[in-house]
C-alpha atoms as a PDB file:
ATOM      1  CA  MET A   1     -28.956  -5.014 -16.300  1.00  0.00           C
ATOM      2  CA  THR A   2     -28.646  -3.173 -19.521  1.00  0.00           C
ATOM      3  CA  GLU A   3     -27.857  -5.087 -22.873  1.00  0.00           C
ATOM      4  CA  GLN A   4     -24.398  -3.458 -22.635  1.00  0.00           C
ATOM      5  CA  GLY A   5     -24.083  -4.820 -19.184  1.00  0.00           C
ATOM      6  CA  GLN A   6     -25.119  -8.311 -20.112  1.00  0.00           C
ATOM      7  CA  SER A   7     -22.343  -8.212 -22.736  1.00  0.00           C
ATOM      8  CA  MET A   8     -19.889  -7.807 -20.095  1.00  0.00           C
ATOM      9  CA  ARG A   9     -21.078 -10.859 -18.060  1.00  0.00           C
ATOM     10  CA  GLY A  10     -18.261 -13.653 -17.934  1.00  0.00           C
ATOM     11  CA  ARG A  11     -15.769 -11.102 -18.873  1.00  0.00           C
ATOM     12  CA  VAL A  12     -12.663 -10.548 -16.600  1.00  0.00           C
ATOM     13  CA  CYS A  13     -11.222  -6.989 -16.114  1.00  0.00           C
ATOM     14  CA  LEU A  14      -8.100  -5.802 -14.713  1.00  0.00           C
ATOM     15  CA  VAL A  15      -7.668  -2.218 -13.712  1.00  0.00           C
ATOM     16  CA  THR A  16      -4.392  -0.827 -12.334  1.00  0.00           C
ATOM     17  CA  GLY A  17      -4.404   2.150 -10.106  1.00  0.00           C
ATOM     18  CA  ALA A  18      -8.007   1.159  -9.110  1.00  0.00           C
ATOM     19  CA  THR A  19      -8.119   1.995  -5.354  1.00  0.00           C
ATOM     20  CA  SER A  20      -8.956   5.661  -5.961  1.00  0.00           C
ATOM     21  CA  GLY A  21      -9.953   8.131  -8.429  1.00  0.00           C
ATOM     22  CA  ILE A  22     -10.773   7.181 -12.011  1.00  0.00           C
ATOM     23  CA  GLY A  23      -9.266   3.805 -11.680  1.00  0.00           C
ATOM     24  CA  ALA A  24     -11.664   3.090  -8.774  1.00  0.00           C
ATOM     25  CA  ALA A  25     -14.529   4.655 -10.741  1.00  0.00           C
ATOM     26  CA  ALA A  26     -13.970   2.599 -13.573  1.00  0.00           C
ATOM     27  CA  ALA A  27     -13.712  -0.426 -11.657  1.00  0.00           C
ATOM     28  CA  GLU A  28     -17.115   0.036 -10.081  1.00  0.00           C
ATOM     29  CA  GLU A  29     -18.673   0.817 -13.340  1.00  0.00           C
ATOM     30  CA  LEU A  30     -17.268  -2.195 -15.109  1.00  0.00           C
ATOM     31  CA  ALA A  31     -18.650  -4.474 -12.195  1.00  0.00           C
ATOM     32  CA  THR A  32     -22.008  -2.798 -12.710  1.00  0.00           C
ATOM     33  CA  LEU A  33     -21.908  -3.833 -16.267  1.00  0.00           C
ATOM     34  CA  GLY A  34     -21.565  -7.351 -15.176  1.00  0.00           C
ATOM     35  CA  ALA A  35     -17.704  -7.973 -15.365  1.00  0.00           C
ATOM     36  CA  THR A  36     -15.554  -9.617 -12.990  1.00  0.00           C
ATOM     37  CA  VAL A  37     -13.100  -6.995 -11.780  1.00  0.00           C
ATOM     38  CA  ILE A  38      -9.723  -7.295 -10.341  1.00  0.00           C
ATOM     39  CA  VAL A  39      -8.622  -4.273  -8.463  1.00  0.00           C
ATOM     40  CA  ALA A  40      -4.807  -3.644  -8.565  1.00  0.00           C
ATOM     41  CA  GLY A  41      -3.161  -1.324  -6.127  1.00  0.00           C
ATOM     42  CA  ARG A  42      -0.481  -0.752  -3.626  1.00  0.00           C
ATOM     43  CA  ASN A  43      -2.345  -0.258  -0.309  1.00  0.00           C
ATOM     44  CA  ALA A  44      -4.107  -3.345   1.243  1.00  0.00           C
ATOM     45  CA  GLU A  45      -6.505  -1.477   3.182  1.00  0.00           C
ATOM     46  CA  ARG A  46      -7.669   0.786   0.338  1.00  0.00           C
ATOM     47  CA  ALA A  47      -7.863  -2.170  -1.968  1.00  0.00           C
ATOM     48  CA  ALA A  48      -9.968  -4.188   0.348  1.00  0.00           C
ATOM     49  CA  ALA A  49     -12.142  -0.917   1.145  1.00  0.00           C
ATOM     50  CA  THR A  50     -12.609  -0.434  -2.832  1.00  0.00           C
ATOM     51  CA  VAL A  51     -13.587  -4.158  -3.408  1.00  0.00           C
ATOM     52  CA  GLU A  52     -16.214  -4.170  -0.589  1.00  0.00           C
ATOM     53  CA  ARG A  53     -17.666  -0.725  -1.763  1.00  0.00           C
ATOM     54  CA  ILE A  54     -17.841  -2.276  -5.372  1.00  0.00           C
ATOM     55  CA  ARG A  55     -19.461  -5.473  -4.089  1.00  0.00           C
ATOM     56  CA  GLN A  56     -22.042  -3.513  -1.987  1.00  0.00           C
ATOM     57  CA  ARG A  57     -22.902  -0.988  -4.499  1.00  0.00           C
ATOM     58  CA  THR A  58     -23.116  -3.172  -7.672  1.00  0.00           C
ATOM     59  CA  GLY A  59     -23.575  -6.924  -6.246  1.00  0.00           C
ATOM     60  CA  GLY A  60     -21.074  -7.642  -8.772  1.00  0.00           C
ATOM     61  CA  ALA A  61     -17.764  -9.711  -8.480  1.00  0.00           C
ATOM     62  CA  ALA A  62     -14.612  -8.033  -7.478  1.00  0.00           C
ATOM     63  CA  GLU A  63     -11.311  -8.936  -6.038  1.00  0.00           C
ATOM     64  CA  TYR A  64      -8.050  -7.259  -5.571  1.00  0.00           C
ATOM     65  CA  LEU A  65      -4.441  -7.953  -6.027  1.00  0.00           C
ATOM     66  CA  LEU A  66      -1.461  -5.984  -4.474  1.00  0.00           C
ATOM     67  CA  ALA A  67       1.387  -4.539  -6.441  1.00  0.00           C
ATOM     68  CA  ASP A  68       3.627  -1.460  -6.559  1.00  0.00           C
ATOM     69  CA  LEU A  69       3.819  -1.071 -10.290  1.00  0.00           C
ATOM     70  CA  SER A  70       6.969   0.911 -10.198  1.00  0.00           C
ATOM     71  CA  SER A  71       8.708  -2.277  -9.326  1.00  0.00           C
ATOM     72  CA  GLN A  72       9.576  -4.565 -12.276  1.00  0.00           C
ATOM     73  CA  GLN A  73       9.404  -7.431  -9.797  1.00  0.00           C
ATOM     74  CA  GLU A  74       5.934  -6.541  -8.566  1.00  0.00           C
ATOM     75  CA  VAL A  75       4.747  -6.153 -11.886  1.00  0.00           C
ATOM     76  CA  ARG A  76       5.870  -9.724 -12.732  1.00  0.00           C
ATOM     77  CA  ARG A  77       4.091 -10.918  -9.701  1.00  0.00           C
ATOM     78  CA  LEU A  78       0.901  -9.287 -10.453  1.00  0.00           C
ATOM     79  CA  ALA A  79       0.929 -10.911 -13.876  1.00  0.00           C
ATOM     80  CA  GLU A  80       1.452 -14.283 -12.279  1.00  0.00           C
ATOM     81  CA  ALA A  81      -1.287 -13.931  -9.808  1.00  0.00           C
ATOM     82  CA  VAL A  82      -3.791 -12.778 -12.422  1.00  0.00           C
ATOM     83  CA  ARG A  83      -2.795 -15.927 -14.506  1.00  0.00           C
ATOM     84  CA  ALA A  84      -2.989 -18.099 -11.427  1.00  0.00           C
ATOM     85  CA  ARG A  85      -6.571 -16.957 -10.692  1.00  0.00           C
ATOM     86  CA  HIS A  86      -8.166 -16.502 -14.110  1.00  0.00           C
ATOM     87  CA  GLU A  87      -7.652 -18.687 -17.188  1.00  0.00           C
ATOM     88  CA  ARG A  88      -9.214 -15.830 -19.245  1.00  0.00           C
ATOM     89  CA  LEU A  89      -8.505 -11.908 -19.143  1.00  0.00           C
ATOM     90  CA  HIS A  90     -10.785  -9.917 -21.466  1.00  0.00           C
ATOM     91  CA  VAL A  91      -9.892  -6.339 -20.665  1.00  0.00           C
ATOM     92  CA  LEU A  92      -6.725  -4.878 -19.431  1.00  0.00           C
ATOM     93  CA  VAL A  93      -6.941  -1.233 -18.062  1.00  0.00           C
ATOM     94  CA  ASN A  94      -3.568   0.303 -17.718  1.00  0.00           C
ATOM     95  CA  ASN A  95      -4.123   3.553 -15.408  1.00  0.00           C
ATOM     96  CA  ALA A  96      -1.830   3.572 -12.544  1.00  0.00           C
ATOM     97  CA  GLY A  97       0.448   6.607 -12.836  1.00  0.00           C
ATOM     98  CA  ALA A  98       1.670   9.729 -10.988  1.00  0.00           C
ATOM     99  CA  VAL A  99       3.572  12.927 -11.514  1.00  0.00           C
ATOM    100  CA  PHE A 100       6.589  13.926  -9.290  1.00  0.00           C
ATOM    101  CA  THR A 101       7.858  17.380  -8.886  1.00  0.00           C
ATOM    102  CA  GLU A 102      11.367  15.996  -7.917  1.00  0.00           C
ATOM    103  CA  ARG A 103      13.680  13.335  -9.513  1.00  0.00           C
ATOM    104  CA  ARG A 104      13.137  10.009  -7.920  1.00  0.00           C
ATOM    105  CA  LEU A 105      14.212   6.521  -8.829  1.00  0.00           C
ATOM    106  CA  SER A 106      12.191   3.336  -8.865  1.00  0.00           C
ATOM    107  CA  PRO A 107      13.222   0.038  -7.090  1.00  0.00           C
ATOM    108  CA  ASP A 108      15.193  -0.818 -10.344  1.00  0.00           C
ATOM    109  CA  GLY A 109      17.148   2.317 -10.313  1.00  0.00           C
ATOM    110  CA  LEU A 110      15.261   3.999 -13.135  1.00  0.00           C
ATOM    111  CA  GLU A 111      13.539   7.412 -13.194  1.00  0.00           C
ATOM    112  CA  LEU A 112      10.360   7.018 -11.404  1.00  0.00           C
ATOM    113  CA  THR A 113       7.880   8.570 -13.836  1.00  0.00           C
ATOM    114  CA  PHE A 114       9.178   6.712 -16.851  1.00  0.00           C
ATOM    115  CA  ALA A 115       9.234   3.439 -14.826  1.00  0.00           C
ATOM    116  CA  LEU A 116       5.683   3.737 -13.476  1.00  0.00           C
ATOM    117  CA  ASN A 117       3.742   5.604 -16.300  1.00  0.00           C
ATOM    118  CA  HIS A 118       5.400   3.864 -19.343  1.00  0.00           C
ATOM    119  CA  LEU A 119       7.336   0.620 -18.305  1.00  0.00           C
ATOM    120  CA  ALA A 120       4.764  -0.791 -16.163  1.00  0.00           C
ATOM    121  CA  TYR A 121       2.183  -0.485 -19.096  1.00  0.00           C
ATOM    122  CA  PHE A 122       4.724  -2.049 -21.421  1.00  0.00           C
ATOM    123  CA  LEU A 123       5.809  -4.891 -19.011  1.00  0.00           C
ATOM    124  CA  LEU A 124       2.340  -5.856 -17.636  1.00  0.00           C
ATOM    125  CA  THR A 125       0.794  -5.777 -20.933  1.00  0.00           C
ATOM    126  CA  GLY A 126       3.694  -7.756 -22.316  1.00  0.00           C
ATOM    127  CA  LEU A 127       3.382 -10.580 -19.626  1.00  0.00           C
ATOM    128  CA  LEU A 128      -0.413 -10.861 -20.044  1.00  0.00           C
ATOM    129  CA  LEU A 129      -0.478 -10.729 -23.824  1.00  0.00           C
ATOM    130  CA  ASP A 130      -0.802 -14.533 -24.249  1.00  0.00           C
ATOM    131  CA  THR A 131      -3.698 -14.605 -21.881  1.00  0.00           C
ATOM    132  CA  LEU A 132      -5.482 -11.607 -23.613  1.00  0.00           C
ATOM    133  CA  GLN A 133      -4.936 -13.305 -27.020  1.00  0.00           C
ATOM    134  CA  ALA A 134      -6.474 -16.592 -25.722  1.00  0.00           C
ATOM    135  CA  SER A 135      -9.333 -14.573 -24.427  1.00  0.00           C
ATOM    136  CA  ALA A 136      -9.995 -12.722 -27.771  1.00  0.00           C
ATOM    137  CA  PRO A 137     -11.886 -10.638 -28.469  1.00  0.00           C
ATOM    138  CA  ALA A 138     -10.101  -8.714 -25.875  1.00  0.00           C
ATOM    139  CA  ARG A 139      -9.256  -4.975 -25.163  1.00  0.00           C
ATOM    140  CA  ILE A 140      -6.384  -2.921 -23.882  1.00  0.00           C
ATOM    141  CA  VAL A 141      -7.078   0.289 -22.604  1.00  0.00           C
ATOM    142  CA  ASN A 142      -4.125   2.907 -21.802  1.00  0.00           C
ATOM    143  CA  VAL A 143      -4.624   5.934 -19.900  1.00  0.00           C
ATOM    144  CA  SER A 144      -2.657   8.795 -21.387  1.00  0.00           C
ATOM    145  CA  SER A 145      -2.993  12.468 -21.264  1.00  0.00           C
ATOM    146  CA  ASP A 146      -3.200  15.670 -23.259  1.00  0.00           C
ATOM    147  CA  ALA A 147      -0.239  16.525 -21.399  1.00  0.00           C
ATOM    148  CA  HIS A 148       1.446  14.476 -24.195  1.00  0.00           C
ATOM    149  CA  GLN A 149       0.866  17.360 -26.798  1.00  0.00           C
ATOM    150  CA  ALA A 150       3.916  19.427 -26.257  1.00  0.00           C
ATOM    151  CA  ALA A 151       6.112  16.429 -25.322  1.00  0.00           C
ATOM    152  CA  THR A 152       8.948  14.813 -27.339  1.00  0.00           C
ATOM    153  CA  ILE A 153      11.057  11.811 -26.757  1.00  0.00           C
ATOM    154  CA  ASP A 154      14.554  12.308 -25.784  1.00  0.00           C
ATOM    155  CA  PHE A 155      16.413   9.048 -26.187  1.00  0.00           C
ATOM    156  CA  ASP A 156      19.547  10.528 -24.980  1.00  0.00           C
ATOM    157  CA  ASP A 157      17.894  11.447 -21.580  1.00  0.00           C
ATOM    158  CA  LEU A 158      15.064   8.932 -21.152  1.00  0.00           C
ATOM    159  CA  GLN A 159      16.111   8.909 -17.532  1.00  0.00           C
ATOM    160  CA  ALA A 160      15.732  12.522 -17.155  1.00  0.00           C
ATOM    161  CA  GLU A 161      18.972  13.153 -15.609  1.00  0.00           C
ATOM    162  CA  ARG A 162      19.355  16.740 -17.210  1.00  0.00           C
ATOM    163  CA  GLY A 163      17.321  19.444 -16.017  1.00  0.00           C
ATOM    164  CA  TYR A 164      14.532  17.733 -14.404  1.00  0.00           C
ATOM    165  CA  SER A 165      10.972  19.161 -14.718  1.00  0.00           C
ATOM    166  CA  GLY A 166       8.153  16.932 -13.333  1.00  0.00           C
ATOM    167  CA  PHE A 167       5.580  18.089 -15.724  1.00  0.00           C
ATOM    168  CA  ARG A 168       7.733  17.824 -18.763  1.00  0.00           C
ATOM    169  CA  VAL A 169       8.862  14.395 -17.652  1.00  0.00           C
ATOM    170  CA  TYR A 170       5.269  13.579 -17.165  1.00  0.00           C
ATOM    171  CA  GLY A 171       4.230  14.624 -20.421  1.00  0.00           C
ATOM    172  CA  ARG A 172       6.844  12.540 -22.045  1.00  0.00           C
ATOM    173  CA  SER A 173       5.557   9.434 -20.182  1.00  0.00           C
ATOM    174  CA  LYS A 174       2.087  10.079 -21.527  1.00  0.00           C
ATOM    175  CA  LEU A 175       3.675  10.344 -25.266  1.00  0.00           C
ATOM    176  CA  ALA A 176       5.239   7.180 -24.602  1.00  0.00           C
ATOM    177  CA  ASN A 177       1.807   5.588 -23.876  1.00  0.00           C
ATOM    178  CA  LEU A 178       0.614   6.715 -27.067  1.00  0.00           C
ATOM    179  CA  LEU A 179       3.827   5.553 -28.999  1.00  0.00           C
ATOM    180  CA  PHE A 180       3.522   2.209 -27.205  1.00  0.00           C
ATOM    181  CA  THR A 181      -0.414   1.969 -27.967  1.00  0.00           C
ATOM    182  CA  TYR A 182       0.115   2.630 -31.780  1.00  0.00           C
ATOM    183  CA  GLU A 183       2.991   0.268 -32.026  1.00  0.00           C
ATOM    184  CA  LEU A 184       1.206  -2.626 -30.131  1.00  0.00           C
ATOM    185  CA  ALA A 185      -1.949  -2.032 -32.237  1.00  0.00           C
ATOM    186  CA  ARG A 186       0.167  -2.739 -35.307  1.00  0.00           C
ATOM    187  CA  ARG A 187       2.064  -5.903 -33.920  1.00  0.00           C
ATOM    188  CA  LEU A 188      -1.653  -7.244 -32.649  1.00  0.00           C
ATOM    189  CA  GLU A 189      -3.170  -6.722 -36.041  1.00  0.00           C
ATOM    190  CA  GLY A 190      -5.479  -9.731 -36.725  1.00  0.00           C
ATOM    191  CA  THR A 191      -5.249 -11.301 -33.209  1.00  0.00           C
ATOM    192  CA  GLY A 192      -8.662 -10.024 -31.898  1.00  0.00           C
ATOM    193  CA  VAL A 193      -6.996  -7.950 -29.336  1.00  0.00           C
ATOM    194  CA  THR A 194      -7.555  -4.240 -29.658  1.00  0.00           C
ATOM    195  CA  VAL A 195      -5.597  -1.425 -27.859  1.00  0.00           C
ATOM    196  CA  ASN A 196      -6.542   2.231 -27.489  1.00  0.00           C
ATOM    197  CA  ALA A 197      -5.664   5.130 -25.551  1.00  0.00           C
ATOM    198  CA  LEU A 198      -7.297   8.178 -23.932  1.00  0.00           C
ATOM    199  CA  HIS A 199      -7.157  11.463 -22.089  1.00  0.00           C
ATOM    200  CA  PRO A 200      -9.697  11.198 -19.046  1.00  0.00           C
ATOM    201  CA  GLY A 201      -9.825  14.926 -18.716  1.00  0.00           C
ATOM    202  CA  LEU A 202      -8.766  17.107 -15.598  1.00  0.00           C
ATOM    203  CA  VAL A 203     -10.087  15.077 -12.842  1.00  0.00           C
ATOM    204  CA  ALA A 204     -10.358  15.925  -9.039  1.00  0.00           C
ATOM    205  CA  SER A 205      -8.581  12.865  -7.488  1.00  0.00           C
ATOM    206  CA  ARG A 206      -5.715  11.877  -5.417  1.00  0.00           C
ATOM    207  CA  PHE A 207      -3.441  12.258  -8.352  1.00  0.00           C
ATOM    208  CA  ALA A 208      -2.139  15.616  -7.160  1.00  0.00           C
ATOM    209  CA  THR A 209      -0.802  14.340  -3.846  1.00  0.00           C
ATOM    210  CA  ASN A 210       2.804  14.068  -5.436  1.00  0.00           C
ATOM    211  CA  LEU A 211       2.663  17.765  -6.547  1.00  0.00           C
ATOM    212  CA  GLY A 212       4.629  20.191  -4.618  1.00  0.00           C
ATOM    213  CA  GLY A 213       4.993  24.173  -4.215  1.00  0.00           C
ATOM    214  CA  LEU A 214       2.659  26.339  -6.128  1.00  0.00           C
ATOM    215  CA  ALA A 215       1.020  23.457  -8.051  1.00  0.00           C
ATOM    216  CA  ARG A 216      -0.108  21.723  -4.926  1.00  0.00           C
ATOM    217  CA  ARG A 217      -1.471  24.961  -3.583  1.00  0.00           C
ATOM    218  CA  LEU A 218      -3.307  25.955  -6.560  1.00  0.00           C
ATOM    219  CA  HIS A 219      -4.849  22.370  -7.065  1.00  0.00           C
ATOM    220  CA  PRO A 220      -7.662  22.926  -4.467  1.00  0.00           C
ATOM    221  CA  LEU A 221      -8.698  26.050  -5.950  1.00  0.00           C
ATOM    222  CA  ALA A 222      -9.134  24.308  -9.346  1.00  0.00           C
ATOM    223  CA  ARG A 223     -11.198  21.305  -7.955  1.00  0.00           C
ATOM    224  CA  PRO A 224     -14.732  22.917  -8.503  1.00  0.00           C
ATOM    225  CA  PHE A 225     -13.900  23.023 -12.240  1.00  0.00           C
ATOM    226  CA  MET A 226     -12.600  19.655 -12.516  1.00  0.00           C
ATOM    227  CA  LEU A 227     -14.361  16.339 -13.474  1.00  0.00           C
ATOM    228  CA  SER A 228     -15.513  13.872 -10.880  1.00  0.00           C
ATOM    229  CA  PRO A 229     -13.602  10.603 -11.036  1.00  0.00           C
ATOM    230  CA  ALA A 230     -16.925   9.135 -12.275  1.00  0.00           C
ATOM    231  CA  GLN A 231     -17.007  11.424 -15.193  1.00  0.00           C
ATOM    232  CA  GLY A 232     -13.207  11.064 -15.969  1.00  0.00           C
ATOM    233  CA  ALA A 233     -13.705   7.317 -15.996  1.00  0.00           C
ATOM    234  CA  ARG A 234     -16.288   7.390 -18.756  1.00  0.00           C
ATOM    235  CA  THR A 235     -13.818   7.043 -21.676  1.00  0.00           C
ATOM    236  CA  ILE A 236     -12.070   4.171 -19.965  1.00  0.00           C
ATOM    237  CA  VAL A 237     -15.379   2.343 -19.380  1.00  0.00           C
ATOM    238  CA  TYR A 238     -16.456   3.163 -23.024  1.00  0.00           C
ATOM    239  CA  LEU A 239     -13.418   1.840 -24.643  1.00  0.00           C
ATOM    240  CA  ALA A 240     -13.468  -1.318 -22.191  1.00  0.00           C
ATOM    241  CA  SER A 241     -17.059  -2.327 -22.912  1.00  0.00           C
ATOM    242  CA  SER A 242     -18.819  -0.448 -25.683  1.00  0.00           C
ATOM    243  CA  PRO A 243     -19.868  -2.388 -28.755  1.00  0.00           C
ATOM    244  CA  GLU A 244     -19.403   0.958 -30.662  1.00  0.00           C
ATOM    245  CA  VAL A 245     -15.510   0.361 -30.566  1.00  0.00           C
ATOM    246  CA  GLN A 246     -15.507  -3.406 -31.095  1.00  0.00           C
ATOM    247  CA  GLY A 247     -12.513  -4.034 -33.501  1.00  0.00           C
ATOM    248  CA  VAL A 248     -11.458  -0.508 -33.287  1.00  0.00           C
ATOM    249  CA  THR A 249      -7.714  -0.158 -32.471  1.00  0.00           C
ATOM    250  CA  GLY A 250      -4.772   2.162 -32.457  1.00  0.00           C
ATOM    251  CA  ARG A 251      -6.883   5.294 -31.565  1.00  0.00           C
ATOM    252  CA  TYR A 252      -6.741   8.193 -28.951  1.00  0.00           C
ATOM    253  CA  PHE A 253     -10.024   9.084 -27.397  1.00  0.00           C
ATOM    254  CA  VAL A 254     -11.272  12.252 -25.590  1.00  0.00           C
ATOM    255  CA  SER A 255     -14.729  12.390 -24.039  1.00  0.00           C
ATOM    256  CA  GLU A 256     -15.503   9.121 -26.038  1.00  0.00           C
ATOM    257  CA  ARG A 257     -14.594  10.394 -29.363  1.00  0.00           C
ATOM    258  CA  ASP A 258     -11.698   9.201 -31.608  1.00  0.00           C
ATOM    259  CA  THR A 259      -9.149  12.185 -31.737  1.00  0.00           C
ATOM    260  CA  THR A 260      -5.944  13.058 -33.188  1.00  0.00           C
ATOM    261  CA  SER A 261      -3.011  13.115 -31.014  1.00  0.00           C
ATOM    262  CA  SER A 262       0.196  15.031 -31.510  1.00  0.00           C
ATOM    263  CA  LYS A 263       2.373  14.727 -34.544  1.00  0.00           C
ATOM    264  CA  ALA A 264       5.144  13.131 -32.471  1.00  0.00           C
ATOM    265  CA  SER A 265       2.905  10.439 -31.304  1.00  0.00           C
ATOM    266  CA  TYR A 266       2.529   9.058 -34.795  1.00  0.00           C
ATOM    267  CA  ASP A 267       6.500   8.758 -35.473  1.00  0.00           C
ATOM    268  CA  ARG A 268       6.908   5.034 -36.277  1.00  0.00           C
ATOM    269  CA  ALA A 269      10.595   5.241 -36.091  1.00  0.00           C
ATOM    270  CA  ASP A 270      10.103   6.493 -32.522  1.00  0.00           C
ATOM    271  CA  ALA A 271       7.639   3.982 -31.551  1.00  0.00           C
ATOM    272  CA  GLU A 272       9.861   1.208 -32.831  1.00  0.00           C
ATOM    273  CA  ARG A 273      12.937   2.401 -30.882  1.00  0.00           C
ATOM    274  CA  LEU A 274      10.960   3.015 -27.707  1.00  0.00           C
ATOM    275  CA  TRP A 275       9.829  -0.524 -27.940  1.00  0.00           C
ATOM    276  CA  GLN A 276      13.234  -1.838 -28.222  1.00  0.00           C
ATOM    277  CA  VAL A 277      14.465   0.194 -25.534  1.00  0.00           C
ATOM    278  CA  SER A 278      11.701  -0.600 -23.343  1.00  0.00           C
ATOM    279  CA  ALA A 279      11.938  -4.203 -23.860  1.00  0.00           C
ATOM    280  CA  THR A 280      15.632  -4.024 -23.003  1.00  0.00           C
ATOM    281  CA  LEU A 281      14.997  -2.153 -19.762  1.00  0.00           C
ATOM    282  CA  VAL A 282      12.324  -4.711 -18.544  1.00  0.00           C
ATOM    283  CA  GLY A 283      13.920  -7.850 -19.986  1.00  0.00           C
ATOM    284  CA  LEU A 284      11.209  -8.911 -22.372  1.00  0.00           C
END
């Protein structure tokens, strides 16, 4: 076990969207480093298989909890289950997300991309914040994307009812991740809980299963040029475990490097407004 791995012993990590892709890779690596890992996913068979694989490969402690994070009721149930099983939570990795080429609604009647990619981060973090603060030093890691770079927040159409475009709405949700990260970092100042966001890179994973048309046909052609899930997970693991970023908060990382995000992502008025709208939508 490395020195870094020893430092993760006794630490509890929750990773959402952890039954495949970068989430599964991050969960496995955190277990390798000595952490107790909670795998959160929708599918019981895949979740059980992921936990078994982690245990066999790492000899570490792993368990799973089931939740469809597009449903606020299930997000609440997940948070309750985490608190019931563990007195402490040292790392929360908000990773679950998707892109949809057609407009869909969540179980709560909200546009699905916004509900899953942003509101689930916001609600789950809010529900677990007391536990994270009681476990300080603790870390929150939000998986965003460079897809945010061209995005803007349209508060008059957050539900994407006008001229739906899957990639535009996805980019907006990833911008929301950054606005949330930066605002949360300001609110958590002095608590011992840090929050950072990252772009994992273009990763060959199950993420593209929701794509349609030309995008879905081109995806297999691009796979040889994409990162493996393990490569894509490196910055997640770095932010969750590395002593180098102890105390670092409110930043955006690409390839384990502190990087500048888009101008729109630093708009404090938009961040505060999005926070208030999000709190209303999830009932926090």
